[in-house]
Amino acid sequence: MVTDVVLQEPTAADYFALGAPQTWVKAAGGMSLVDNDASIRAYAERLIVEPDPLIAMQHMPVLDAMAVKDAICVFFSEETPTPSP
């Protein structure tokens, strides 16, 4: 059973290889944010540093997987503070 998951921040190389994990699309009445599940999975495989990403993804409960997805998407949120160079 997976009890803790540690993620590292994505790099520019990750972003240019995998693209955005979510995309804004036109929907009835405005815009809607749509998850790119393949991209999110690829980010999880790259960003989970503890435990081994493949073990984590095969053994974590679905609610934890949803939390990992949310944590990955936060890295790409405009509200996320970015450190100064």
PDB file of N, CA and C in Angstrom:
ATOM      1  N   MET A   1       0.844  -1.185   0.000  1.00  0.00           N
ATOM      2  CA  MET A   1       0.000   0.000   0.000  1.00  0.00           C
ATOM      3  C   MET A   1       0.886   1.242   0.000  1.00  0.00           C
ATOM      4  N   VAL A   2       0.569   2.185  -0.842  1.00  0.00           N
ATOM      5  CA  VAL A   2       1.295   3.449  -0.920  1.00  0.00           C
ATOM      6  C   VAL A   2       0.736   4.375   0.144  1.00  0.00           C
ATOM      7  N   THR A   3       1.623   4.928   0.992  1.00  0.00           N
ATOM      8  CA  THR A   3       1.162   5.831   2.049  1.00  0.00           C
ATOM      9  C   THR A   3       1.547   7.278   1.786  1.00  0.00           C
ATOM     10  N   ASP A   4       2.651   7.512   1.092  1.00  0.00           N
ATOM     11  CA  ASP A   4       3.106   8.867   0.773  1.00  0.00           C
ATOM     12  C   ASP A   4       3.614   8.904  -0.657  1.00  0.00           C
ATOM     13  N   VAL A   5       3.365  10.013  -1.320  1.00  0.00           N
ATOM     14  CA  VAL A   5       3.880  10.232  -2.671  1.00  0.00           C
ATOM     15  C   VAL A   5       4.590  11.573  -2.679  1.00  0.00           C
ATOM     16  N   VAL A   6       5.818  11.593  -3.194  1.00  0.00           N
ATOM     17  CA  VAL A   6       6.596  12.817  -3.302  1.00  0.00           C
ATOM     18  C   VAL A   6       6.739  13.153  -4.781  1.00  0.00           C
ATOM     19  N   LEU A   7       6.371  14.396  -5.125  1.00  0.00           N
ATOM     20  CA  LEU A   7       6.491  14.871  -6.509  1.00  0.00           C
ATOM     21  C   LEU A   7       7.593  15.911  -6.596  1.00  0.00           C
ATOM     22  N   GLN A   8       8.327  15.885  -7.698  1.00  0.00           N
ATOM     23  CA  GLN A   8       9.268  16.965  -7.974  1.00  0.00           C
ATOM     24  C   GLN A   8       8.614  17.920  -8.963  1.00  0.00           C
ATOM     25  N   GLU A   9       9.075  19.138  -9.005  1.00  0.00           N
ATOM     26  CA  GLU A   9       8.533  20.137  -9.924  1.00  0.00           C
ATOM     27  C   GLU A   9       8.932  19.788 -11.358  1.00  0.00           C
ATOM     28  N   PRO A  10       8.017  19.962 -12.322  1.00  0.00           N
ATOM     29  CA  PRO A  10       8.373  19.699 -13.712  1.00  0.00           C
ATOM     30  C   PRO A  10       9.399  20.709 -14.220  1.00  0.00           C
ATOM     31  N   THR A  11      10.192  20.273 -15.174  1.00  0.00           N
ATOM     32  CA  THR A  11      11.191  21.142 -15.798  1.00  0.00           C
ATOM     33  C   THR A  11      10.671  21.623 -17.148  1.00  0.00           C
ATOM     34  N   ALA A  12      11.391  22.545 -17.732  1.00  0.00           N
ATOM     35  CA  ALA A  12      11.051  23.000 -19.083  1.00  0.00           C
ATOM     36  C   ALA A  12      11.097  21.832 -20.060  1.00  0.00           C
ATOM     37  N   ALA A  13      12.072  20.938 -19.894  1.00  0.00           N
ATOM     38  CA  ALA A  13      12.170  19.763 -20.775  1.00  0.00           C
ATOM     39  C   ALA A  13      10.917  18.897 -20.654  1.00  0.00           C
ATOM     40  N   ASP A  14      10.414  18.725 -19.422  1.00  0.00           N
ATOM     41  CA  ASP A  14       9.178  17.965 -19.232  1.00  0.00           C
ATOM     42  C   ASP A  14       8.027  18.637 -19.973  1.00  0.00           C
ATOM     43  N   TYR A  15       7.916  19.944 -19.795  1.00  0.00           N
ATOM     44  CA  TYR A  15       6.811  20.681 -20.407  1.00  0.00           C
ATOM     45  C   TYR A  15       6.856  20.609 -21.934  1.00  0.00           C
ATOM     46  N   PHE A  16       8.032  20.812 -22.507  1.00  0.00           N
ATOM     47  CA  PHE A  16       8.119  20.794 -23.967  1.00  0.00           C
ATOM     48  C   PHE A  16       7.937  19.390 -24.531  1.00  0.00           C
ATOM     49  N   ALA A  17       8.246  18.367 -23.749  1.00  0.00           N
ATOM     50  CA  ALA A  17       8.048  16.986 -24.212  1.00  0.00           C
ATOM     51  C   ALA A  17       6.596  16.529 -24.055  1.00  0.00           C
ATOM     52  N   LEU A  18       5.934  16.973 -22.977  1.00  0.00           N
ATOM     53  CA  LEU A  18       4.613  16.431 -22.649  1.00  0.00           C
ATOM     54  C   LEU A  18       3.459  17.397 -22.867  1.00  0.00           C
ATOM     55  N   GLY A  19       3.753  18.680 -22.989  1.00  0.00           N
ATOM     56  CA  GLY A  19       2.696  19.665 -23.187  1.00  0.00           C
ATOM     57  C   GLY A  19       1.954  19.981 -21.902  1.00  0.00           C
ATOM     58  N   ALA A  20       0.891  20.722 -22.040  1.00  0.00           N
ATOM     59  CA  ALA A  20       0.092  21.142 -20.886  1.00  0.00           C
ATOM     60  C   ALA A  20      -0.803  19.987 -20.434  1.00  0.00           C
ATOM     61  N   PRO A  21      -0.968  19.814 -19.109  1.00  0.00           N
ATOM     62  CA  PRO A  21      -1.828  18.746 -18.624  1.00  0.00           C
ATOM     63  C   PRO A  21      -3.320  19.073 -18.752  1.00  0.00           C
ATOM     64  N   GLN A  22      -3.623  20.341 -18.996  1.00  0.00           N
ATOM     65  CA  GLN A  22      -5.011  20.759 -19.180  1.00  0.00           C
ATOM     66  C   GLN A  22      -5.073  21.788 -20.304  1.00  0.00           C
ATOM     67  N   THR A  23      -6.235  21.851 -20.967  1.00  0.00           N
ATOM     68  CA  THR A  23      -6.418  22.773 -22.081  1.00  0.00           C
ATOM     69  C   THR A  23      -7.765  23.472 -21.949  1.00  0.00           C
ATOM     70  N   TRP A  24      -7.772  24.765 -22.214  1.00  0.00           N
ATOM     71  CA  TRP A  24      -9.029  25.506 -22.254  1.00  0.00           C
ATOM     72  C   TRP A  24      -9.692  25.263 -23.605  1.00  0.00           C
ATOM     73  N   VAL A  25     -10.984  24.929 -23.587  1.00  0.00           N
ATOM     74  CA  VAL A  25     -11.747  24.727 -24.822  1.00  0.00           C
ATOM     75  C   VAL A  25     -13.037  25.529 -24.740  1.00  0.00           C
ATOM     76  N   LYS A  26     -13.532  25.901 -25.902  1.00  0.00           N
ATOM     77  CA  LYS A  26     -14.791  26.641 -25.971  1.00  0.00           C
ATOM     78  C   LYS A  26     -15.932  25.680 -25.652  1.00  0.00           C
ATOM     79  N   ALA A  27     -16.801  26.112 -24.762  1.00  0.00           N
ATOM     80  CA  ALA A  27     -17.964  25.313 -24.373  1.00  0.00           C
ATOM     81  C   ALA A  27     -19.185  26.219 -24.359  1.00  0.00           C
ATOM     82  N   ALA A  28     -20.338  25.608 -24.259  1.00  0.00           N
ATOM     83  CA  ALA A  28     -21.574  26.390 -24.196  1.00  0.00           C
ATOM     84  C   ALA A  28     -21.495  27.361 -23.025  1.00  0.00           C
ATOM     85  N   GLY A  29     -21.648  28.627 -23.307  1.00  0.00           N
ATOM     86  CA  GLY A  29     -21.649  29.624 -22.258  1.00  0.00           C
ATOM     87  C   GLY A  29     -20.276  30.109 -21.835  1.00  0.00           C
ATOM     88  N   GLY A  30     -19.220  29.690 -22.520  1.00  0.00           N
ATOM     89  CA  GLY A  30     -17.892  30.180 -22.144  1.00  0.00           C
ATOM     90  C   GLY A  30     -16.788  29.187 -22.452  1.00  0.00           C
ATOM     91  N   MET A  31     -15.845  29.118 -21.537  1.00  0.00           N
ATOM     92  CA  MET A  31     -14.684  28.251 -21.720  1.00  0.00           C
ATOM     93  C   MET A  31     -14.695  27.181 -20.626  1.00  0.00           C
ATOM     94  N   SER A  32     -14.091  26.033 -20.939  1.00  0.00           N
ATOM     95  CA  SER A  32     -14.022  24.932 -19.987  1.00  0.00           C
ATOM     96  C   SER A  32     -12.610  24.356 -19.990  1.00  0.00           C
ATOM     97  N   LEU A  33     -12.122  24.008 -18.816  1.00  0.00           N
ATOM     98  CA  LEU A  33     -10.792  23.421 -18.677  1.00  0.00           C
ATOM     99  C   LEU A  33     -10.923  21.905 -18.765  1.00  0.00           C
ATOM    100  N   VAL A  34     -10.213  21.299 -19.721  1.00  0.00           N
ATOM    101  CA  VAL A  34     -10.306  19.864 -19.969  1.00  0.00           C
ATOM    102  C   VAL A  34      -8.965  19.214 -19.649  1.00  0.00           C
ATOM    103  N   ASP A  35      -9.021  18.108 -18.892  1.00  0.00           N
ATOM    104  CA  ASP A  35      -7.805  17.369 -18.560  1.00  0.00           C
ATOM    105  C   ASP A  35      -7.288  16.608 -19.768  1.00  0.00           C
ATOM    106  N   ASN A  36      -5.962  16.592 -19.916  1.00  0.00           N
ATOM    107  CA  ASN A  36      -5.302  15.761 -20.907  1.00  0.00           C
ATOM    108  C   ASN A  36      -4.750  14.559 -20.135  1.00  0.00           C
ATOM    109  N   ASP A  37      -5.554  13.495 -20.049  1.00  0.00           N
ATOM    110  CA  ASP A  37      -5.208  12.351 -19.212  1.00  0.00           C
ATOM    111  C   ASP A  37      -3.878  11.704 -19.592  1.00  0.00           C
ATOM    112  N   ALA A  38      -3.573  11.620 -20.885  1.00  0.00           N
ATOM    113  CA  ALA A  38      -2.304  11.008 -21.305  1.00  0.00           C
ATOM    114  C   ALA A  38      -1.121  11.846 -20.828  1.00  0.00           C
ATOM    115  N   SER A  39      -1.253  13.153 -20.913  1.00  0.00           N
ATOM    116  CA  SER A  39      -0.194  14.044 -20.450  1.00  0.00           C
ATOM    117  C   SER A  39      -0.036  13.964 -18.935  1.00  0.00           C
ATOM    118  N   ILE A  40      -1.146  13.937 -18.212  1.00  0.00           N
ATOM    119  CA  ILE A  40      -1.094  13.856 -16.751  1.00  0.00           C
ATOM    120  C   ILE A  40      -0.427  12.555 -16.326  1.00  0.00           C
ATOM    121  N   ARG A  41      -0.752  11.462 -16.975  1.00  0.00           N
ATOM    122  CA  ARG A  41      -0.119  10.173 -16.647  1.00  0.00           C
ATOM    123  C   ARG A  41       1.382  10.233 -16.914  1.00  0.00           C
ATOM    124  N   ALA A  42       1.765  10.810 -18.042  1.00  0.00           N
ATOM    125  CA  ALA A  42       3.189  10.920 -18.373  1.00  0.00           C
ATOM    126  C   ALA A  42       3.912  11.800 -17.353  1.00  0.00           C
ATOM    127  N   TYR A  43       3.266  12.890 -16.919  1.00  0.00           N
ATOM    128  CA  TYR A  43       3.865  13.730 -15.883  1.00  0.00           C
ATOM    129  C   TYR A  43       4.018  12.939 -14.586  1.00  0.00           C
ATOM    130  N   ALA A  44       2.995  12.165 -14.212  1.00  0.00           N
ATOM    131  CA  ALA A  44       3.081  11.365 -12.987  1.00  0.00           C
ATOM    132  C   ALA A  44       4.270  10.414 -13.053  1.00  0.00           C
ATOM    133  N   GLU A  45       4.465   9.784 -14.195  1.00  0.00           N
ATOM    134  CA  GLU A  45       5.591   8.855 -14.352  1.00  0.00           C
ATOM    135  C   GLU A  45       6.935   9.570 -14.206  1.00  0.00           C
ATOM    136  N   ARG A  46       6.998  10.837 -14.618  1.00  0.00           N
ATOM    137  CA  ARG A  46       8.251  11.606 -14.522  1.00  0.00           C
ATOM    138  C   ARG A  46       8.431  12.301 -13.172  1.00  0.00           C
ATOM    139  N   LEU A  47       7.333  12.744 -12.564  1.00  0.00           N
ATOM    140  CA  LEU A  47       7.440  13.620 -11.396  1.00  0.00           C
ATOM    141  C   LEU A  47       7.383  12.905 -10.056  1.00  0.00           C
ATOM    142  N   ILE A  48       6.809  11.697 -10.001  1.00  0.00           N
ATOM    143  CA  ILE A  48       6.796  10.969  -8.735  1.00  0.00           C
ATOM    144  C   ILE A  48       8.219  10.487  -8.461  1.00  0.00           C
ATOM    145  N   VAL A  49       8.775  10.925  -7.334  1.00  0.00           N
ATOM    146  CA  VAL A  49      10.139  10.508  -6.979  1.00  0.00           C
ATOM    147  C   VAL A  49      10.139   9.487  -5.855  1.00  0.00           C
ATOM    148  N   GLU A  50       9.091   9.453  -5.055  1.00  0.00           N
ATOM    149  CA  GLU A  50       8.948   8.443  -4.005  1.00  0.00           C
ATOM    150  C   GLU A  50       7.487   8.069  -3.891  1.00  0.00           C
ATOM    151  N   PRO A  51       7.152   6.816  -3.836  1.00  0.00           N
ATOM    152  CA  PRO A  51       7.966   5.643  -4.144  1.00  0.00           C
ATOM    153  C   PRO A  51       8.190   5.557  -5.649  1.00  0.00           C
ATOM    154  N   ASP A  52       8.714   4.463  -6.119  1.00  0.00           N
ATOM    155  CA  ASP A  52       8.898   4.255  -7.560  1.00  0.00           C
ATOM    156  C   ASP A  52       7.572   4.569  -8.265  1.00  0.00           C
ATOM    157  N   PRO A  53       7.611   5.389  -9.320  1.00  0.00           N
ATOM    158  CA  PRO A  53       6.358   5.828  -9.956  1.00  0.00           C
ATOM    159  C   PRO A  53       5.478   4.683 -10.452  1.00  0.00           C
ATOM    160  N   LEU A  54       6.063   3.651 -11.009  1.00  0.00           N
ATOM    161  CA  LEU A  54       5.242   2.550 -11.522  1.00  0.00           C
ATOM    162  C   LEU A  54       4.573   1.790 -10.387  1.00  0.00           C
ATOM    163  N   ILE A  55       5.299   1.593  -9.302  1.00  0.00           N
ATOM    164  CA  ILE A  55       4.707   0.934  -8.135  1.00  0.00           C
ATOM    165  C   ILE A  55       3.605   1.809  -7.552  1.00  0.00           C
ATOM    166  N   ALA A  56       3.887   3.097  -7.415  1.00  0.00           N
ATOM    167  CA  ALA A  56       2.895   4.021  -6.857  1.00  0.00           C
ATOM    168  C   ALA A  56       1.617   4.005  -7.674  1.00  0.00           C
ATOM    169  N   MET A  57       1.753   4.096  -8.982  1.00  0.00           N
ATOM    170  CA  MET A  57       0.579   4.201  -9.836  1.00  0.00           C
ATOM    171  C   MET A  57      -0.228   2.903  -9.866  1.00  0.00           C
ATOM    172  N   GLN A  58       0.414   1.774  -9.658  1.00  0.00           N
ATOM    173  CA  GLN A  58      -0.320   0.507  -9.671  1.00  0.00           C
ATOM    174  C   GLN A  58      -0.978   0.181  -8.340  1.00  0.00           C
ATOM    175  N   HIS A  59      -0.508   0.816  -7.252  1.00  0.00           N
ATOM    176  CA  HIS A  59      -0.996   0.412  -5.938  1.00  0.00           C
ATOM    177  C   HIS A  59      -1.719   1.502  -5.153  1.00  0.00           C
ATOM    178  N   MET A  60      -1.747   2.732  -5.634  1.00  0.00           N
ATOM    179  CA  MET A  60      -2.447   3.760  -4.864  1.00  0.00           C
ATOM    180  C   MET A  60      -3.939   3.718  -5.162  1.00  0.00           C
ATOM    181  N   PRO A  61      -4.751   4.014  -4.160  1.00  0.00           N
ATOM    182  CA  PRO A  61      -6.202   4.077  -4.376  1.00  0.00           C
ATOM    183  C   PRO A  61      -6.564   5.215  -5.324  1.00  0.00           C
ATOM    184  N   VAL A  62      -7.730   5.120  -5.927  1.00  0.00           N
ATOM    185  CA  VAL A  62      -8.146   6.095  -6.929  1.00  0.00           C
ATOM    186  C   VAL A  62      -8.231   7.514  -6.361  1.00  0.00           C
ATOM    187  N   LEU A  63      -8.663   7.675  -5.112  1.00  0.00           N
ATOM    188  CA  LEU A  63      -8.730   9.022  -4.541  1.00  0.00           C
ATOM    189  C   LEU A  63      -7.337   9.633  -4.405  1.00  0.00           C
ATOM    190  N   ASP A  64      -6.345   8.808  -4.107  1.00  0.00           N
ATOM    191  CA  ASP A  64      -4.967   9.302  -4.044  1.00  0.00           C
ATOM    192  C   ASP A  64      -4.463   9.645  -5.442  1.00  0.00           C
ATOM    193  N   ALA A  65      -4.851   8.850  -6.425  1.00  0.00           N
ATOM    194  CA  ALA A  65      -4.465   9.149  -7.806  1.00  0.00           C
ATOM    195  C   ALA A  65      -5.055  10.488  -8.243  1.00  0.00           C
ATOM    196  N   MET A  66      -6.273  10.757  -7.819  1.00  0.00           N
ATOM    197  CA  MET A  66      -6.901  12.036  -8.145  1.00  0.00           C
ATOM    198  C   MET A  66      -6.163  13.188  -7.467  1.00  0.00           C
ATOM    199  N   ALA A  67      -5.670  12.958  -6.258  1.00  0.00           N
ATOM    200  CA  ALA A  67      -4.895  13.986  -5.552  1.00  0.00           C
ATOM    201  C   ALA A  67      -3.566  14.233  -6.258  1.00  0.00           C
ATOM    202  N   VAL A  68      -2.934  13.177  -6.770  1.00  0.00           N
ATOM    203  CA  VAL A  68      -1.685  13.336  -7.532  1.00  0.00           C
ATOM    204  C   VAL A  68      -1.969  14.146  -8.793  1.00  0.00           C
ATOM    205  N   LYS A  69      -3.065  13.827  -9.482  1.00  0.00           N
ATOM    206  CA  LYS A  69      -3.442  14.581 -10.686  1.00  0.00           C
ATOM    207  C   LYS A  69      -3.620  16.055 -10.356  1.00  0.00           C
ATOM    208  N   ASP A  70      -4.327  16.337  -9.276  1.00  0.00           N
ATOM    209  CA  ASP A  70      -4.547  17.732  -8.874  1.00  0.00           C
ATOM    210  C   ASP A  70      -3.220  18.421  -8.548  1.00  0.00           C
ATOM    211  N   ALA A  71      -2.323  17.708  -7.868  1.00  0.00           N
ATOM    212  CA  ALA A  71      -1.017  18.288  -7.514  1.00  0.00           C
ATOM    213  C   ALA A  71      -0.204  18.590  -8.768  1.00  0.00           C
ATOM    214  N   ILE A  72      -0.270  17.724  -9.756  1.00  0.00           N
ATOM    215  CA  ILE A  72       0.444  17.963 -11.019  1.00  0.00           C
ATOM    216  C   ILE A  72      -0.133  19.204 -11.703  1.00  0.00           C
ATOM    217  N   CYS A  73      -1.432  19.310 -11.752  1.00  0.00           N
ATOM    218  CA  CYS A  73      -2.066  20.454 -12.423  1.00  0.00           C
ATOM    219  C   CYS A  73      -1.761  21.771 -11.724  1.00  0.00           C
ATOM    220  N   VAL A  74      -1.563  21.743 -10.415  1.00  0.00           N
ATOM    221  CA  VAL A  74      -1.239  22.968  -9.671  1.00  0.00           C
ATOM    222  C   VAL A  74       0.080  23.562 -10.156  1.00  0.00           C
ATOM    223  N   PHE A  75       1.027  22.707 -10.563  1.00  0.00           N
ATOM    224  CA  PHE A  75       2.303  23.219 -11.075  1.00  0.00           C
ATOM    225  C   PHE A  75       2.099  24.151 -12.267  1.00  0.00           C
ATOM    226  N   PHE A  76       0.998  23.980 -12.996  1.00  0.00           N
ATOM    227  CA  PHE A  76       0.746  24.741 -14.212  1.00  0.00           C
ATOM    228  C   PHE A  76      -0.288  25.838 -14.007  1.00  0.00           C
ATOM    229  N   SER A  77      -0.699  26.051 -12.772  1.00  0.00           N
ATOM    230  CA  SER A  77      -1.677  27.076 -12.445  1.00  0.00           C
ATOM    231  C   SER A  77      -0.994  28.431 -12.411  1.00  0.00           C
ATOM    232  N   GLU A  78      -1.666  29.436 -12.918  1.00  0.00           N
ATOM    233  CA  GLU A  78      -1.125  30.802 -12.878  1.00  0.00           C
ATOM    234  C   GLU A  78      -1.031  31.309 -11.452  1.00  0.00           C
ATOM    235  N   GLU A  79      -1.766  30.679 -10.543  1.00  0.00           N
ATOM    236  CA  GLU A  79      -1.759  31.101  -9.144  1.00  0.00           C
ATOM    237  C   GLU A  79      -0.562  30.551  -8.388  1.00  0.00           C
ATOM    238  N   THR A  80       0.155  29.605  -8.995  1.00  0.00           N
ATOM    239  CA  THR A  80       1.311  29.017  -8.326  1.00  0.00           C
ATOM    240  C   THR A  80       2.453  30.011  -8.299  1.00  0.00           C
ATOM    241  N   PRO A  81       2.982  30.335  -7.112  1.00  0.00           N
ATOM    242  CA  PRO A  81       4.119  31.269  -7.062  1.00  0.00           C
ATOM    243  C   PRO A  81       5.347  30.628  -7.678  1.00  0.00           C
ATOM    244  N   THR A  82       6.067  31.410  -8.462  1.00  0.00           N
ATOM    245  CA  THR A  82       7.307  30.904  -9.055  1.00  0.00           C
ATOM    246  C   THR A  82       8.488  31.532  -8.376  1.00  0.00           C
ATOM    247  N   PRO A  83       9.511  30.728  -8.077  1.00  0.00           N
ATOM    248  CA  PRO A  83      10.691  31.287  -7.414  1.00  0.00           C
ATOM    249  C   PRO A  83      11.454  32.242  -8.330  1.00  0.00           C
ATOM    250  N   SER A  84      12.115  33.205  -7.735  1.00  0.00           N
ATOM    251  CA  SER A  84      12.939  34.136  -8.509  1.00  0.00           C
ATOM    252  C   SER A  84      14.160  33.402  -9.026  1.00  0.00           C
ATOM    253  N   PRO A  85      14.644  33.780 -10.235  1.00  0.00           N
ATOM    254  CA  PRO A  85      15.841  33.111 -10.772  1.00  0.00           C
ATOM    255  C   PRO A  85      17.075  33.392  -9.944  1.00  0.00           C
TER     256      PRO A  85
END
